[in-house]
Amino acid sequence: MFKIKTTELGDITVAKEVVETIAGLASIDSYGLVGMVAQDIQTGLSSILGLESIRKGVQVRSSEEGLIVDVYIIVGYGIKIREVAANVMQKVMYVLGKDAGLSVAAVNVNVKGVRVITEK
């Protein structure tokens, strides 16, 4: 649980899973992002995630400076990786900071693959 605010009536906290979901949803809204990737810590294997498990492509931890968010993504082929990563960073930082009221120290974007985007 991450504390957002303390009032005279009590504390307002947000579950880690909620923060991960918000960060995941903010990420997939970024141009050039094809998918999120879950990191299997034990084996290091990656799997592409659907929308229903989007938070598994995000890891959140707390530090003295604020939250540290790690996002694992796949970008589209032919799209500038630096721009996609910068957009994801800005979007996640903005949504968690402004909309959720959380203090974010860093957003680390880990590009785990590139995929060809096919038009249907």
Protein backbone atom coordinates (compact mmCIF):
# COMPACT_ATOMS: atom_id res chain seq x y z
CA MET A 1 0.00 0.00 0.00
CA PHE A 2 1.20 3.48 -0.88
CA LYS A 3 0.11 6.46 1.20
CA ILE A 4 -1.30 9.34 -0.82
CA LYS A 5 -2.40 11.67 1.93
CA THR A 6 -2.84 11.93 5.68
CA THR A 7 -5.75 13.98 7.02
CA GLU A 8 -7.17 14.60 10.47
CA LEU A 9 -9.68 11.84 9.69
CA GLY A 10 -7.08 9.24 8.66
CA ASP A 11 -4.85 8.05 5.83
CA ILE A 12 -5.62 7.60 2.15
CA THR A 13 -3.71 4.65 0.67
CA VAL A 14 -3.63 2.92 -2.70
CA ALA A 15 -2.83 -0.77 -3.24
CA LYS A 16 0.28 -1.65 -5.25
CA GLU A 17 -1.90 -3.52 -7.76
CA VAL A 18 -3.94 -0.37 -8.41
CA VAL A 19 -0.79 1.69 -9.08
CA GLU A 20 0.50 -1.01 -11.44
CA THR A 21 -2.81 -1.08 -13.32
CA ILE A 22 -2.90 2.72 -13.66
CA ALA A 23 0.70 2.77 -14.93
CA GLY A 24 -0.05 -0.06 -17.38
CA LEU A 25 -3.13 1.66 -18.76
CA ALA A 26 -1.20 4.93 -19.14
CA SER A 27 1.56 3.06 -20.98
CA ILE A 28 -0.63 1.30 -23.53
CA ASP A 29 -2.16 4.64 -24.46
CA SER A 30 1.23 5.73 -25.86
CA TYR A 31 1.90 5.91 -29.62
CA GLY A 32 4.21 3.21 -30.95
CA LEU A 33 3.71 0.77 -28.12
CA VAL A 34 2.62 -2.64 -29.42
CA GLY A 35 2.34 -4.49 -26.12
CA MET A 36 3.41 -4.97 -22.53
CA VAL A 37 5.62 -7.81 -21.39
CA ALA A 38 5.51 -9.69 -18.09
CA GLN A 39 8.82 -10.52 -16.50
CA ASP A 40 9.03 -13.98 -14.99
CA ILE A 41 11.57 -13.28 -12.27
CA GLN A 42 12.54 -16.92 -11.73
CA THR A 43 13.35 -17.80 -15.33
CA GLY A 44 13.71 -14.42 -17.02
CA LEU A 45 11.18 -15.43 -19.66
CA SER A 46 8.88 -12.85 -21.17
CA SER A 47 5.33 -13.24 -22.40
CA ILE A 48 3.17 -10.71 -24.25
CA LEU A 49 0.20 -9.59 -22.18
CA GLY A 50 -3.39 -8.92 -23.07
CA LEU A 51 -5.36 -6.04 -21.64
CA GLU A 52 -6.79 -8.16 -18.81
CA SER A 53 -3.36 -8.59 -17.18
CA ILE A 54 -1.74 -5.30 -18.15
CA ARG A 55 -0.39 -4.61 -14.66
CA LYS A 56 1.98 -7.59 -14.91
CA GLY A 57 4.09 -5.57 -17.35
CA VAL A 58 4.70 -3.02 -14.60
CA GLN A 59 6.67 -3.27 -11.37
CA VAL A 60 6.35 -0.61 -8.68
CA ARG A 61 8.50 -0.13 -5.63
CA SER A 62 8.90 2.60 -3.06
CA SER A 63 11.98 4.68 -2.29
CA GLU A 64 12.69 7.68 -0.07
CA GLU A 65 12.20 10.00 -3.07
CA GLY A 66 8.90 8.43 -4.16
CA LEU A 67 7.72 5.56 -6.33
CA ILE A 68 10.00 3.87 -8.83
CA VAL A 69 8.05 2.41 -11.75
CA ASP A 70 9.53 -0.16 -14.14
CA VAL A 71 7.59 -0.68 -17.38
CA TYR A 72 8.35 -3.55 -19.80
CA ILE A 73 7.20 -2.90 -23.37
CA ILE A 74 7.34 -4.00 -27.00
CA VAL A 75 7.54 -1.25 -29.64
CA GLY A 76 6.49 -1.21 -33.27
CA TYR A 77 9.11 -1.78 -35.96
CA GLY A 78 10.14 1.43 -37.72
CA ILE A 79 9.09 3.67 -34.84
CA LYS A 80 11.78 5.56 -32.93
CA ILE A 81 12.37 3.65 -29.71
CA ARG A 82 13.63 6.74 -27.87
CA GLU A 83 10.43 8.64 -28.64
CA VAL A 84 8.17 5.77 -27.61
CA ALA A 85 10.09 5.34 -24.34
CA ALA A 86 10.01 9.09 -23.63
CA ASN A 87 6.25 9.19 -24.28
CA VAL A 88 5.65 6.24 -21.95
CA MET A 89 7.79 7.89 -19.23
CA GLN A 90 5.96 11.20 -19.49
CA LYS A 91 2.50 9.63 -19.61
CA VAL A 92 3.08 7.34 -16.61
CA MET A 93 4.69 10.13 -14.58
CA TYR A 94 1.82 12.52 -15.38
CA VAL A 95 -1.01 10.07 -14.71
CA LEU A 96 0.41 8.77 -11.43
CA GLY A 97 1.51 12.22 -10.25
CA LYS A 98 -1.35 14.46 -11.32
CA ASP A 99 -4.33 12.12 -11.53
CA ALA A 100 -3.52 9.69 -8.71
CA GLY A 101 -1.67 12.14 -6.47
CA LEU A 102 1.38 9.91 -6.02
CA SER A 103 4.99 11.08 -5.77
CA VAL A 104 6.96 9.44 -8.59
CA ALA A 105 10.77 9.48 -8.39
CA ALA A 106 11.47 7.61 -11.64
CA VAL A 107 9.86 5.75 -14.51
CA ASN A 108 12.19 3.21 -16.12
CA VAL A 109 11.12 1.97 -19.54
CA ASN A 110 12.57 -1.39 -20.57
CA VAL A 111 12.12 -2.19 -24.26
CA LYS A 112 12.02 -5.99 -24.45
CA GLY A 113 11.26 -6.39 -28.13
CA VAL A 114 10.24 -5.00 -31.51
CA ARG A 115 7.28 -6.25 -33.51
CA VAL A 116 6.12 -5.58 -37.06
CA ILE A 117 2.75 -3.84 -37.04
CA THR A 118 0.39 -5.33 -39.62
CA GLU A 119 -2.57 -3.38 -40.98
CA LYS A 120 -5.90 -5.23 -41.23
